Amino acid sequence: MSKTGQRLLTFFIGVPLVLAIVFFDFLHHLPANLAITLISVLAANEFYNLSLKKTGLFPRILLLIFSGLLPLCSYIFVLFGIDVNLVLWIFATEIIVLFAIETIFSQNFDNSLPKIGYSILLIFYTGYMPTFLSRISYIKDYSRHFFMLFLLFVFLCDSAAWLFGILFGKNNRGLFKASPNKSIAGFIGGIAASVALGALAKLFFPTVFYGGIWKILVLAFFTAIAGIVGDLVESVFKRSADIKDSGNIIPGRGGILDSIDSLLIAAPIFYMGCFIFYNV
């Protein structure tokens, strides 16, 4: 099967599966949060492999535990009524532990700066950023609606950008060196699709997305922009490491990071927008 066929198959099977997991909202979306923790660990493993092409790192198992611990603790805190912002304390503690390990146990410090820097980036990117996916699932009222809308914003933007790029992007590619095959038509099509979805969400769920329609249109616009930036950021990481895909676990997509890169950057933007516009 061609890569395009694999991508379409993954989309039509994977997206409904993800939405189905999000639909079950008992215990603050237990299935989704367990999936987020697992994905965090798998993504950390891929980022570890990517980073090894540039520098040495702390032990793999340590960084994978540190990454997975952040979304897991975020979920546990909410489940037991503990302030979820305490996850920042855990993140800071993990960084201090890395400092201590390097200071106490290392015998050679020539590689210490990139070793510490890449390790902290790994935990931040694949551990802390997924906690915003968890935060979306903790929205007090209508968490299912907000969570599913966020995923659809990102998935639709990505798919529409791909489709519009194929149809209309032949002569307007190369805007960003990080991903020269991406086209202006694709970016416009992806953003427009997300904004249109936002308008439909307002139409069908006016009680959930209350207030002026401009709120959800702005939310859709900036979520889509953030998703595109997330895709480009991971392209930068891969180009720096001189690899094509972060892995090969997902047909037509590559690795876990190749599939969640847009989600990781878009999640905090969407959550902050919901906090500002809908007081979640």
C-alpha atoms as a PDB file:
ATOM      1  CA  MET A   1       0.000   0.000   0.000  1.00  0.00           C
ATOM      2  CA  SER A   2       1.253   3.486  -0.842  1.00  0.00           C
ATOM      3  CA  LYS A   3       2.115   5.959   1.902  1.00  0.00           C
ATOM      4  CA  THR A   4      -0.933   8.034   0.929  1.00  0.00           C
ATOM      5  CA  GLY A   5      -3.149   4.982   1.299  1.00  0.00           C
ATOM      6  CA  GLN A   6      -1.596   4.168   4.660  1.00  0.00           C
ATOM      7  CA  ARG A   7      -2.121   7.748   5.802  1.00  0.00           C
ATOM      8  CA  LEU A   8      -5.793   7.695   4.798  1.00  0.00           C
ATOM      9  CA  LEU A   9      -6.323   4.323   6.469  1.00  0.00           C
ATOM     10  CA  THR A  10      -4.683   5.583   9.655  1.00  0.00           C
ATOM     11  CA  PHE A  11      -6.859   8.697   9.594  1.00  0.00           C
ATOM     12  CA  PHE A  12     -10.168   6.883   9.095  1.00  0.00           C
ATOM     13  CA  ILE A  13      -9.356   4.283  11.748  1.00  0.00           C
ATOM     14  CA  GLY A  14      -7.211   6.270  14.162  1.00  0.00           C
ATOM     15  CA  VAL A  15      -9.280   9.445  14.499  1.00  0.00           C
ATOM     16  CA  PRO A  16     -12.568   7.666  15.358  1.00  0.00           C
ATOM     17  CA  LEU A  17     -10.656   5.463  17.812  1.00  0.00           C
ATOM     18  CA  VAL A  18      -9.131   8.475  19.570  1.00  0.00           C
ATOM     19  CA  LEU A  19     -12.485  10.257  19.717  1.00  0.00           C
ATOM     20  CA  ALA A  20     -14.114   7.108  21.101  1.00  0.00           C
ATOM     21  CA  ILE A  21     -11.538   6.981  23.907  1.00  0.00           C
ATOM     22  CA  VAL A  22     -12.203  10.638  24.714  1.00  0.00           C
ATOM     23  CA  PHE A  23     -15.973  10.015  24.691  1.00  0.00           C
ATOM     24  CA  PHE A  24     -15.702   7.847  27.826  1.00  0.00           C
ATOM     25  CA  ASP A  25     -15.392  10.606  30.404  1.00  0.00           C
ATOM     26  CA  PHE A  26     -15.789   8.618  33.630  1.00  0.00           C
ATOM     27  CA  LEU A  27     -13.203   9.328  36.346  1.00  0.00           C
ATOM     28  CA  HIS A  28     -12.061  12.459  34.503  1.00  0.00           C
ATOM     29  CA  HIS A  29     -11.391  10.610  31.251  1.00  0.00           C
ATOM     30  CA  LEU A  30      -9.445   7.701  32.723  1.00  0.00           C
ATOM     31  CA  PRO A  31      -8.897   5.873  29.375  1.00  0.00           C
ATOM     32  CA  ALA A  32      -7.681   9.039  27.664  1.00  0.00           C
ATOM     33  CA  ASN A  33      -5.302   9.946  30.474  1.00  0.00           C
ATOM     34  CA  LEU A  34      -3.821   6.459  30.619  1.00  0.00           C
ATOM     35  CA  ALA A  35      -3.302   6.724  26.857  1.00  0.00           C
ATOM     36  CA  ILE A  36      -1.674  10.159  27.287  1.00  0.00           C
ATOM     37  CA  THR A  37       0.773   8.731  29.848  1.00  0.00           C
ATOM     38  CA  LEU A  38       1.661   5.791  27.601  1.00  0.00           C
ATOM     39  CA  ILE A  39       2.094   8.055  24.577  1.00  0.00           C
ATOM     40  CA  SER A  40       4.295  10.361  26.645  1.00  0.00           C
ATOM     41  CA  VAL A  41       6.649   7.488  27.439  1.00  0.00           C
ATOM     42  CA  LEU A  42       6.729   6.249  23.832  1.00  0.00           C
ATOM     43  CA  ALA A  43       7.347   9.783  22.555  1.00  0.00           C
ATOM     44  CA  ALA A  44      10.149  10.240  25.092  1.00  0.00           C
ATOM     45  CA  ASN A  45      11.780   7.069  23.821  1.00  0.00           C
ATOM     46  CA  GLU A  46      11.662   8.354  20.237  1.00  0.00           C
ATOM     47  CA  PHE A  47      13.036  11.744  21.269  1.00  0.00           C
ATOM     48  CA  TYR A  48      15.794   9.952  23.180  1.00  0.00           C
ATOM     49  CA  ASN A  49      16.822   8.100  20.015  1.00  0.00           C
ATOM     50  CA  LEU A  50      16.683  11.346  18.049  1.00  0.00           C
ATOM     51  CA  SER A  51      18.785  13.249  20.588  1.00  0.00           C
ATOM     52  CA  LEU A  52      21.458  10.545  20.800  1.00  0.00           C
ATOM     53  CA  LYS A  53      22.542  11.533  17.301  1.00  0.00           C
ATOM     54  CA  LYS A  54      23.718  14.843  18.781  1.00  0.00           C
ATOM     55  CA  THR A  55      24.866  14.171  22.320  1.00  0.00           C
ATOM     56  CA  GLY A  56      24.966  11.771  25.230  1.00  0.00           C
ATOM     57  CA  LEU A  57      22.012  11.772  27.604  1.00  0.00           C
ATOM     58  CA  PHE A  58      21.107  10.617  31.077  1.00  0.00           C
ATOM     59  CA  PRO A  59      20.001   6.955  31.324  1.00  0.00           C
ATOM     60  CA  ARG A  60      17.057   6.207  29.059  1.00  0.00           C
ATOM     61  CA  ILE A  61      14.906   4.590  31.751  1.00  0.00           C
ATOM     62  CA  LEU A  62      15.307   7.624  34.030  1.00  0.00           C
ATOM     63  CA  LEU A  63      14.160  10.100  31.381  1.00  0.00           C
ATOM     64  CA  LEU A  64      11.265   7.894  30.287  1.00  0.00           C
ATOM     65  CA  ILE A  65      10.063   7.658  33.892  1.00  0.00           C
ATOM     66  CA  PHE A  66      10.441  11.413  34.394  1.00  0.00           C
ATOM     67  CA  SER A  67       8.425  12.113  31.223  1.00  0.00           C
ATOM     68  CA  GLY A  68       5.600   9.690  31.955  1.00  0.00           C
ATOM     69  CA  LEU A  69       5.413  10.779  35.580  1.00  0.00           C
ATOM     70  CA  LEU A  70       4.265  14.306  34.706  1.00  0.00           C
ATOM     71  CA  PRO A  71       0.973  13.505  32.886  1.00  0.00           C
ATOM     72  CA  LEU A  72       0.330  10.616  35.294  1.00  0.00           C
ATOM     73  CA  CYS A  73       0.700  12.854  38.357  1.00  0.00           C
ATOM     74  CA  SER A  74      -1.350  15.546  36.663  1.00  0.00           C
ATOM     75  CA  TYR A  75      -4.216  13.065  36.349  1.00  0.00           C
ATOM     76  CA  ILE A  76      -3.805  11.722  39.889  1.00  0.00           C
ATOM     77  CA  PHE A  77      -3.832  15.245  41.324  1.00  0.00           C
ATOM     78  CA  VAL A  78      -7.126  16.074  39.664  1.00  0.00           C
ATOM     79  CA  LEU A  79      -8.635  12.712  40.577  1.00  0.00           C
ATOM     80  CA  PHE A  80      -7.965  13.347  44.275  1.00  0.00           C
ATOM     81  CA  GLY A  81      -8.705  17.076  44.283  1.00  0.00           C
ATOM     82  CA  ILE A  82      -5.085  18.246  44.481  1.00  0.00           C
ATOM     83  CA  ASP A  83      -4.000  21.423  42.711  1.00  0.00           C
ATOM     84  CA  VAL A  84      -2.866  20.285  39.254  1.00  0.00           C
ATOM     85  CA  ASN A  85      -0.383  23.164  39.102  1.00  0.00           C
ATOM     86  CA  LEU A  86       1.770  21.180  41.529  1.00  0.00           C
ATOM     87  CA  VAL A  87       2.948  19.226  38.503  1.00  0.00           C
ATOM     88  CA  LEU A  88       5.313  22.163  37.933  1.00  0.00           C
ATOM     89  CA  TRP A  89       6.927  21.326  41.281  1.00  0.00           C
ATOM     90  CA  ILE A  90       7.561  17.798  40.076  1.00  0.00           C
ATOM     91  CA  PHE A  91       9.006  19.077  36.811  1.00  0.00           C
ATOM     92  CA  ALA A  92      11.333  21.441  38.693  1.00  0.00           C
ATOM     93  CA  THR A  93      12.344  18.620  41.043  1.00  0.00           C
ATOM     94  CA  GLU A  94      13.194  16.373  38.101  1.00  0.00           C
ATOM     95  CA  ILE A  95      15.461  19.066  36.669  1.00  0.00           C
ATOM     96  CA  ILE A  96      17.194  19.497  40.028  1.00  0.00           C
ATOM     97  CA  VAL A  97      17.720  15.721  40.209  1.00  0.00           C
ATOM     98  CA  LEU A  98      19.403  15.815  36.794  1.00  0.00           C
ATOM     99  CA  PHE A  99      21.650  18.652  37.987  1.00  0.00           C
ATOM    100  CA  ALA A 100      22.551  16.668  41.088  1.00  0.00           C
ATOM    101  CA  ILE A 101      23.321  13.481  39.161  1.00  0.00           C
ATOM    102  CA  GLU A 102      25.593  15.284  36.732  1.00  0.00           C
ATOM    103  CA  THR A 103      27.333  17.211  39.506  1.00  0.00           C
ATOM    104  CA  ILE A 104      27.890  14.277  41.856  1.00  0.00           C
ATOM    105  CA  PHE A 105      28.468  11.290  39.591  1.00  0.00           C
ATOM    106  CA  SER A 106      30.003  12.561  36.335  1.00  0.00           C
ATOM    107  CA  GLN A 107      33.762  12.288  35.938  1.00  0.00           C
ATOM    108  CA  ASN A 108      33.993  14.321  32.736  1.00  0.00           C
ATOM    109  CA  PHE A 109      32.095  17.548  32.141  1.00  0.00           C
ATOM    110  CA  ASP A 110      32.964  18.242  28.498  1.00  0.00           C
ATOM    111  CA  ASN A 111      29.476  17.164  27.407  1.00  0.00           C
ATOM    112  CA  SER A 112      27.525  18.321  30.468  1.00  0.00           C
ATOM    113  CA  LEU A 113      25.804  21.347  28.919  1.00  0.00           C
ATOM    114  CA  PRO A 114      24.262  19.594  25.874  1.00  0.00           C
ATOM    115  CA  LYS A 115      23.571  16.479  27.972  1.00  0.00           C
ATOM    116  CA  ILE A 116      21.562  18.439  30.535  1.00  0.00           C
ATOM    117  CA  GLY A 117      19.961  20.699  27.917  1.00  0.00           C
ATOM    118  CA  TYR A 118      18.744  17.889  25.669  1.00  0.00           C
ATOM    119  CA  SER A 119      17.513  15.876  28.652  1.00  0.00           C
ATOM    120  CA  ILE A 120      15.477  18.796  30.020  1.00  0.00           C
ATOM    121  CA  LEU A 121      14.068  19.460  26.534  1.00  0.00           C
ATOM    122  CA  LEU A 122      13.058  15.803  26.294  1.00  0.00           C
ATOM    123  CA  ILE A 123      11.160  15.926  29.593  1.00  0.00           C
ATOM    124  CA  PHE A 124       9.550  19.266  28.748  1.00  0.00           C
ATOM    125  CA  TYR A 125       8.502  18.311  25.213  1.00  0.00           C
ATOM    126  CA  THR A 126       7.311  14.757  25.806  1.00  0.00           C
ATOM    127  CA  GLY A 127       6.403  14.979  29.504  1.00  0.00           C
ATOM    128  CA  TYR A 128       5.273  18.439  30.522  1.00  0.00           C
ATOM    129  CA  MET A 129       3.552  19.472  27.278  1.00  0.00           C
ATOM    130  CA  PRO A 130       1.225  16.411  27.344  1.00  0.00           C
ATOM    131  CA  THR A 131      -0.071  17.584  30.733  1.00  0.00           C
ATOM    132  CA  PHE A 132      -2.038  20.235  28.832  1.00  0.00           C
ATOM    133  CA  LEU A 133      -3.880  17.432  27.043  1.00  0.00           C
ATOM    134  CA  SER A 134      -4.755  16.159  30.497  1.00  0.00           C
ATOM    135  CA  ARG A 135      -5.829  19.642  31.615  1.00  0.00           C
ATOM    136  CA  ILE A 136      -8.291  19.842  28.726  1.00  0.00           C
ATOM    137  CA  SER A 137      -9.838  16.596  29.938  1.00  0.00           C
ATOM    138  CA  TYR A 138     -10.272  18.104  33.428  1.00  0.00           C
ATOM    139  CA  ILE A 139     -12.420  21.028  32.286  1.00  0.00           C
ATOM    140  CA  LYS A 140     -15.173  21.079  34.867  1.00  0.00           C
ATOM    141  CA  ASP A 141     -18.204  21.378  32.615  1.00  0.00           C
ATOM    142  CA  TYR A 142     -18.529  19.833  29.158  1.00  0.00           C
ATOM    143  CA  SER A 143     -15.041  18.332  29.212  1.00  0.00           C
ATOM    144  CA  ARG A 144     -16.056  15.863  26.507  1.00  0.00           C
ATOM    145  CA  HIS A 145     -17.115  18.684  24.173  1.00  0.00           C
ATOM    146  CA  PHE A 146     -13.946  20.728  24.703  1.00  0.00           C
ATOM    147  CA  PHE A 147     -11.626  17.725  24.443  1.00  0.00           C
ATOM    148  CA  MET A 148     -13.213  16.400  21.251  1.00  0.00           C
ATOM    149  CA  LEU A 149     -13.329  19.871  19.704  1.00  0.00           C
ATOM    150  CA  PHE A 150      -9.626  20.376  20.392  1.00  0.00           C
ATOM    151  CA  LEU A 151      -8.715  17.080  18.748  1.00  0.00           C
ATOM    152  CA  LEU A 152     -10.928  17.825  15.754  1.00  0.00           C
ATOM    153  CA  PHE A 153      -9.393  21.299  15.380  1.00  0.00           C
ATOM    154  CA  VAL A 154      -5.925  19.775  15.116  1.00  0.00           C
ATOM    155  CA  PHE A 155      -6.820  16.667  13.105  1.00  0.00           C
ATOM    156  CA  LEU A 156      -8.929  18.634  10.635  1.00  0.00           C
ATOM    157  CA  CYS A 157      -6.268  21.324  10.231  1.00  0.00           C
ATOM    158  CA  ASP A 158      -3.618  18.703   9.548  1.00  0.00           C
ATOM    159  CA  SER A 159      -5.755  16.743   7.088  1.00  0.00           C
ATOM    160  CA  ALA A 160      -7.116  19.806   5.288  1.00  0.00           C
ATOM    161  CA  ALA A 161      -3.604  21.246   4.988  1.00  0.00           C
ATOM    162  CA  TRP A 162      -2.437  17.988   3.436  1.00  0.00           C
ATOM    163  CA  LEU A 163      -5.398  17.896   0.999  1.00  0.00           C
ATOM    164  CA  PHE A 164      -5.209  21.570   0.022  1.00  0.00           C
ATOM    165  CA  GLY A 165      -1.470  21.225  -0.393  1.00  0.00           C
ATOM    166  CA  ILE A 166      -1.946  18.401  -2.873  1.00  0.00           C
ATOM    167  CA  LEU A 167      -4.699  20.187  -4.786  1.00  0.00           C
ATOM    168  CA  PHE A 168      -3.471  23.791  -4.806  1.00  0.00           C
ATOM    169  CA  GLY A 169       0.036  23.874  -3.378  1.00  0.00           C
ATOM    170  CA  LYS A 170       2.180  22.891  -6.329  1.00  0.00           C
ATOM    171  CA  ASN A 171       3.512  26.392  -7.001  1.00  0.00           C
ATOM    172  CA  ASN A 172       3.574  27.864  -3.487  1.00  0.00           C
ATOM    173  CA  ARG A 173       5.804  25.548  -1.500  1.00  0.00           C
ATOM    174  CA  GLY A 174       9.066  26.299   0.268  1.00  0.00           C
ATOM    175  CA  LEU A 175       7.861  29.042   2.597  1.00  0.00           C
ATOM    176  CA  PHE A 176       9.556  27.370   5.569  1.00  0.00           C
ATOM    177  CA  LYS A 177      12.930  25.699   5.206  1.00  0.00           C
ATOM    178  CA  ALA A 178      12.089  23.399   8.109  1.00  0.00           C
ATOM    179  CA  SER A 179       9.520  21.681   5.883  1.00  0.00           C
ATOM    180  CA  PRO A 180       9.878  22.842   2.263  1.00  0.00           C
ATOM    181  CA  ASN A 181       7.139  20.520   0.973  1.00  0.00           C
ATOM    182  CA  LYS A 182       4.535  22.392   3.007  1.00  0.00           C
ATOM    183  CA  SER A 183       2.591  24.943   0.943  1.00  0.00           C
ATOM    184  CA  ILE A 184       0.888  28.256   1.607  1.00  0.00           C
ATOM    185  CA  ALA A 185      -2.324  26.784   0.200  1.00  0.00           C
ATOM    186  CA  GLY A 186      -2.073  23.964   2.698  1.00  0.00           C
ATOM    187  CA  PHE A 187      -1.636  26.327   5.638  1.00  0.00           C
ATOM    188  CA  ILE A 188      -4.586  28.468   4.549  1.00  0.00           C
ATOM    189  CA  GLY A 189      -6.778  25.431   3.925  1.00  0.00           C
ATOM    190  CA  GLY A 190      -5.944  23.900   7.299  1.00  0.00           C
ATOM    191  CA  ILE A 191      -6.661  27.086   9.229  1.00  0.00           C
ATOM    192  CA  ALA A 192      -9.873  27.733   7.287  1.00  0.00           C
ATOM    193  CA  ALA A 193     -11.115  24.198   7.998  1.00  0.00           C
ATOM    194  CA  SER A 194     -10.558  24.610  11.742  1.00  0.00           C
ATOM    195  CA  VAL A 195     -12.270  28.000  11.797  1.00  0.00           C
ATOM    196  CA  ALA A 196     -15.252  26.552   9.888  1.00  0.00           C
ATOM    197  CA  LEU A 197     -15.444  23.734  12.420  1.00  0.00           C
ATOM    198  CA  GLY A 198     -15.463  26.320  15.203  1.00  0.00           C
ATOM    199  CA  ALA A 199     -18.435  28.065  13.607  1.00  0.00           C
ATOM    200  CA  LEU A 200     -20.292  24.742  13.393  1.00  0.00           C
ATOM    201  CA  ALA A 201     -19.509  23.965  17.028  1.00  0.00           C
ATOM    202  CA  LYS A 202     -20.986  27.316  18.050  1.00  0.00           C
ATOM    203  CA  LEU A 203     -24.066  26.623  15.935  1.00  0.00           C
ATOM    204  CA  PHE A 204     -24.742  23.170  17.389  1.00  0.00           C
ATOM    205  CA  PHE A 205     -23.573  23.769  20.968  1.00  0.00           C
ATOM    206  CA  PRO A 206     -24.339  27.415  21.808  1.00  0.00           C
ATOM    207  CA  THR A 207     -24.692  26.633  25.522  1.00  0.00           C
ATOM    208  CA  VAL A 208     -21.249  25.035  25.732  1.00  0.00           C
ATOM    209  CA  PHE A 209     -19.418  27.669  23.672  1.00  0.00           C
ATOM    210  CA  TYR A 210     -21.335  30.636  25.019  1.00  0.00           C
ATOM    211  CA  GLY A 211     -20.822  34.299  24.198  1.00  0.00           C
ATOM    212  CA  GLY A 212     -20.019  35.851  20.846  1.00  0.00           C
ATOM    213  CA  ILE A 213     -19.051  33.615  17.951  1.00  0.00           C
ATOM    214  CA  TRP A 214     -15.775  35.527  17.684  1.00  0.00           C
ATOM    215  CA  LYS A 215     -14.527  33.647  20.766  1.00  0.00           C
ATOM    216  CA  ILE A 216     -14.579  30.227  19.198  1.00  0.00           C
ATOM    217  CA  LEU A 217     -13.342  31.535  15.849  1.00  0.00           C
ATOM    218  CA  VAL A 218     -10.305  33.105  17.544  1.00  0.00           C
ATOM    219  CA  LEU A 219      -9.795  29.895  19.523  1.00  0.00           C
ATOM    220  CA  ALA A 220      -9.942  27.817  16.337  1.00  0.00           C
ATOM    221  CA  PHE A 221      -7.578  30.153  14.474  1.00  0.00           C
ATOM    222  CA  PHE A 222      -4.831  30.182  17.089  1.00  0.00           C
ATOM    223  CA  THR A 223      -5.184  26.474  17.840  1.00  0.00           C
ATOM    224  CA  ALA A 224      -4.682  25.751  14.144  1.00  0.00           C
ATOM    225  CA  ILE A 225      -1.679  28.094  13.969  1.00  0.00           C
ATOM    226  CA  ALA A 226      -0.160  26.394  17.013  1.00  0.00           C
ATOM    227  CA  GLY A 227      -0.754  22.979  15.458  1.00  0.00           C
ATOM    228  CA  ILE A 228       1.085  24.049  12.304  1.00  0.00           C
ATOM    229  CA  VAL A 229       3.962  25.409  14.410  1.00  0.00           C
ATOM    230  CA  GLY A 230       4.067  22.092  16.274  1.00  0.00           C
ATOM    231  CA  ASP A 231       4.441  20.216  13.009  1.00  0.00           C
ATOM    232  CA  LEU A 232       7.245  22.536  11.898  1.00  0.00           C
ATOM    233  CA  VAL A 233       9.031  22.323  15.249  1.00  0.00           C
ATOM    234  CA  GLU A 234       9.286  18.569  15.022  1.00  0.00           C
ATOM    235  CA  SER A 235      10.569  18.934  11.463  1.00  0.00           C
ATOM    236  CA  VAL A 236      13.342  21.127  12.873  1.00  0.00           C
ATOM    237  CA  PHE A 237      14.218  18.460  15.447  1.00  0.00           C
ATOM    238  CA  LYS A 238      14.314  15.743  12.788  1.00  0.00           C
ATOM    239  CA  ARG A 239      16.413  17.842  10.399  1.00  0.00           C
ATOM    240  CA  SER A 240      18.832  18.600  13.198  1.00  0.00           C
ATOM    241  CA  ALA A 241      19.155  14.876  13.866  1.00  0.00           C
ATOM    242  CA  ASP A 242      19.228  14.105  10.108  1.00  0.00           C
ATOM    243  CA  ILE A 243      16.348  11.630  10.196  1.00  0.00           C
ATOM    244  CA  LYS A 244      13.152  11.415   8.136  1.00  0.00           C
ATOM    245  CA  ASP A 245      10.711  10.035  10.711  1.00  0.00           C
ATOM    246  CA  SER A 246      10.864   9.766  14.497  1.00  0.00           C
ATOM    247  CA  GLY A 247       9.843   6.095  14.247  1.00  0.00           C
ATOM    248  CA  ASN A 248       7.759   3.648  12.238  1.00  0.00           C
ATOM    249  CA  ILE A 249       5.063   2.562  14.662  1.00  0.00           C
ATOM    250  CA  ILE A 250       2.147   4.248  12.825  1.00  0.00           C
ATOM    251  CA  PRO A 251       1.569   3.379   9.140  1.00  0.00           C
ATOM    252  CA  GLY A 252       1.722   6.388   6.849  1.00  0.00           C
ATOM    253  CA  ARG A 253       2.675   8.711   9.706  1.00  0.00           C
ATOM    254  CA  GLY A 254       5.971   7.429  11.091  1.00  0.00           C
ATOM    255  CA  GLY A 255       6.504   7.548  14.821  1.00  0.00           C
ATOM    256  CA  ILE A 256       4.503   8.702  17.812  1.00  0.00           C
ATOM    257  CA  LEU A 257       6.136  12.131  17.700  1.00  0.00           C
ATOM    258  CA  ASP A 258       5.249  12.450  14.016  1.00  0.00           C
ATOM    259  CA  SER A 259       1.610  11.973  14.986  1.00  0.00           C
ATOM    260  CA  ILE A 260       1.348  14.109  18.128  1.00  0.00           C
ATOM    261  CA  ASP A 261       3.705  16.993  17.294  1.00  0.00           C
ATOM    262  CA  SER A 262       0.808  19.329  16.450  1.00  0.00           C
ATOM    263  CA  LEU A 263      -1.142  18.271  19.559  1.00  0.00           C
ATOM    264  CA  LEU A 264       1.761  19.003  21.899  1.00  0.00           C
ATOM    265  CA  ILE A 265       2.090  22.647  20.841  1.00  0.00           C
ATOM    266  CA  ALA A 266      -1.606  23.310  20.232  1.00  0.00           C
ATOM    267  CA  ALA A 267      -2.815  21.926  23.589  1.00  0.00           C
ATOM    268  CA  PRO A 268      -1.513  24.764  25.823  1.00  0.00           C
ATOM    269  CA  ILE A 269      -2.804  27.396  23.369  1.00  0.00           C
ATOM    270  CA  PHE A 270      -6.256  25.799  23.272  1.00  0.00           C
ATOM    271  CA  TYR A 271      -6.355  25.419  27.051  1.00  0.00           C
ATOM    272  CA  MET A 272      -5.314  29.019  27.656  1.00  0.00           C
ATOM    273  CA  GLY A 273      -7.940  30.183  25.169  1.00  0.00           C
ATOM    274  CA  CYS A 274     -10.612  28.173  26.978  1.00  0.00           C
ATOM    275  CA  PHE A 275      -9.448  29.643  30.280  1.00  0.00           C
ATOM    276  CA  ILE A 276      -9.699  33.193  28.930  1.00  0.00           C
ATOM    277  CA  PHE A 277     -12.918  32.873  26.901  1.00  0.00           C
ATOM    278  CA  TYR A 278     -14.890  30.229  28.799  1.00  0.00           C
ATOM    279  CA  ASN A 279     -13.501  30.469  32.324  1.00  0.00           C
ATOM    280  CA  VAL A 280     -12.760  26.736  32.510  1.00  0.00           C
END
